[in-house]
Amino acid sequence: DYVFEKDYKLMKLDELKTFINQEKHLPGVPNQKQVLVDQKGQYNMTEMQMAMLEKIEELTLYTLQQEEAIRELQKLVKAKE
């Protein structure tokens, strides 16, 4: 739920793209090597579920931002018609 707090810093999409291109995984989520090495392949599933929930919540915020941008663009298009 902390992702929905006003002071949560959502990574900009271009920064996220750069991170993914460089690291080949999402920020805050362990990569495959980390999961396989940690505790002989027995990764803490609670931590993993928390990381996945954080990513779902971030996706929700990105979707809401995109929806707002689409609506603004639709207003501009209608105004020019």
Protein backbone atom coordinates (compact mmCIF):
# COMPACT_ATOMS: atom_id res chain seq x y z
CA ASP A 1 0.00 0.00 0.00
CA TYR A 2 2.97 2.34 0.47
CA VAL A 3 3.18 2.64 -3.32
CA PHE A 4 -0.06 4.64 -3.25
CA GLU A 5 1.27 7.17 -0.74
CA LYS A 6 1.80 10.71 -2.09
CA ASP A 7 5.55 10.66 -1.38
CA TYR A 8 6.23 7.38 -3.26
CA LYS A 9 8.69 8.04 -6.07
CA LEU A 10 7.50 6.20 -9.15
CA MET A 11 10.35 5.64 -11.60
CA LYS A 12 9.91 7.46 -14.90
CA LEU A 13 9.19 5.10 -17.78
CA ASP A 14 12.34 6.04 -19.69
CA GLU A 15 14.42 5.32 -16.57
CA LEU A 16 12.61 2.01 -16.13
CA LYS A 17 13.29 1.07 -19.75
CA THR A 18 17.00 1.85 -19.33
CA PHE A 19 17.16 -0.20 -16.13
CA ILE A 20 15.44 -3.19 -17.77
CA ASN A 21 17.69 -2.99 -20.83
CA GLN A 22 20.81 -2.94 -18.64
CA GLU A 23 19.84 -5.32 -15.84
CA LYS A 24 17.35 -7.62 -17.62
CA HIS A 25 14.89 -7.56 -14.70
CA LEU A 26 12.61 -5.15 -12.88
CA PRO A 27 14.05 -2.93 -10.15
CA GLY A 28 13.32 -4.28 -6.69
CA VAL A 29 12.88 -7.82 -8.01
CA PRO A 30 15.76 -10.28 -7.70
CA ASN A 31 17.23 -11.60 -10.92
CA GLN A 32 17.25 -15.29 -11.74
CA LYS A 33 20.79 -15.85 -10.41
CA GLN A 34 19.90 -14.27 -7.07
CA VAL A 35 16.86 -16.50 -6.70
CA LEU A 36 18.73 -19.66 -7.61
CA VAL A 37 21.72 -18.93 -5.37
CA ASP A 38 19.81 -17.70 -2.32
CA GLN A 39 19.38 -20.48 0.23
CA LYS A 40 20.16 -23.17 -2.34
CA GLY A 41 17.20 -22.26 -4.51
CA GLN A 42 14.75 -21.73 -1.67
CA TYR A 43 14.03 -18.06 -2.09
CA ASN A 44 11.90 -16.31 0.51
CA MET A 45 8.49 -16.42 -1.18
CA THR A 46 7.04 -13.77 1.13
CA GLU A 47 9.67 -11.30 -0.09
CA MET A 48 8.98 -12.30 -3.68
CA GLN A 49 5.22 -11.85 -3.26
CA MET A 50 5.77 -8.43 -1.70
CA ALA A 51 7.99 -7.42 -4.62
CA MET A 52 5.38 -8.62 -7.10
CA LEU A 53 2.61 -6.71 -5.31
CA GLU A 54 4.75 -3.58 -5.44
CA LYS A 55 5.17 -4.03 -9.21
CA ILE A 56 1.41 -4.58 -9.69
CA GLU A 57 0.69 -1.40 -7.76
CA GLU A 58 3.28 0.51 -9.80
CA LEU A 59 1.69 -0.80 -13.01
CA THR A 60 -1.64 0.49 -11.76
CA LEU A 61 -0.14 3.96 -11.23
CA TYR A 62 1.46 3.90 -14.71
CA THR A 63 -1.90 2.91 -16.21
CA LEU A 64 -3.66 5.74 -14.42
CA GLN A 65 -1.03 8.22 -15.66
CA GLN A 66 -1.46 6.98 -19.21
CA GLU A 67 -5.24 7.23 -18.94
CA GLU A 68 -4.92 10.83 -17.81
CA ALA A 69 -2.56 11.61 -20.71
CA ILE A 70 -4.96 9.98 -23.19
CA ARG A 71 -7.88 12.01 -21.89
CA GLU A 72 -5.88 15.23 -22.21
CA LEU A 73 -4.93 14.34 -25.78
CA GLN A 74 -8.56 13.54 -26.59
CA LYS A 75 -9.57 16.97 -25.28
CA LEU A 76 -6.97 18.62 -27.52
CA VAL A 77 -8.15 16.68 -30.55
CA LYS A 78 -11.79 17.59 -29.90
CA ALA A 79 -10.85 21.24 -29.41
CA LYS A 80 -9.15 21.30 -32.84
CA GLU A 81 -12.16 19.76 -34.60
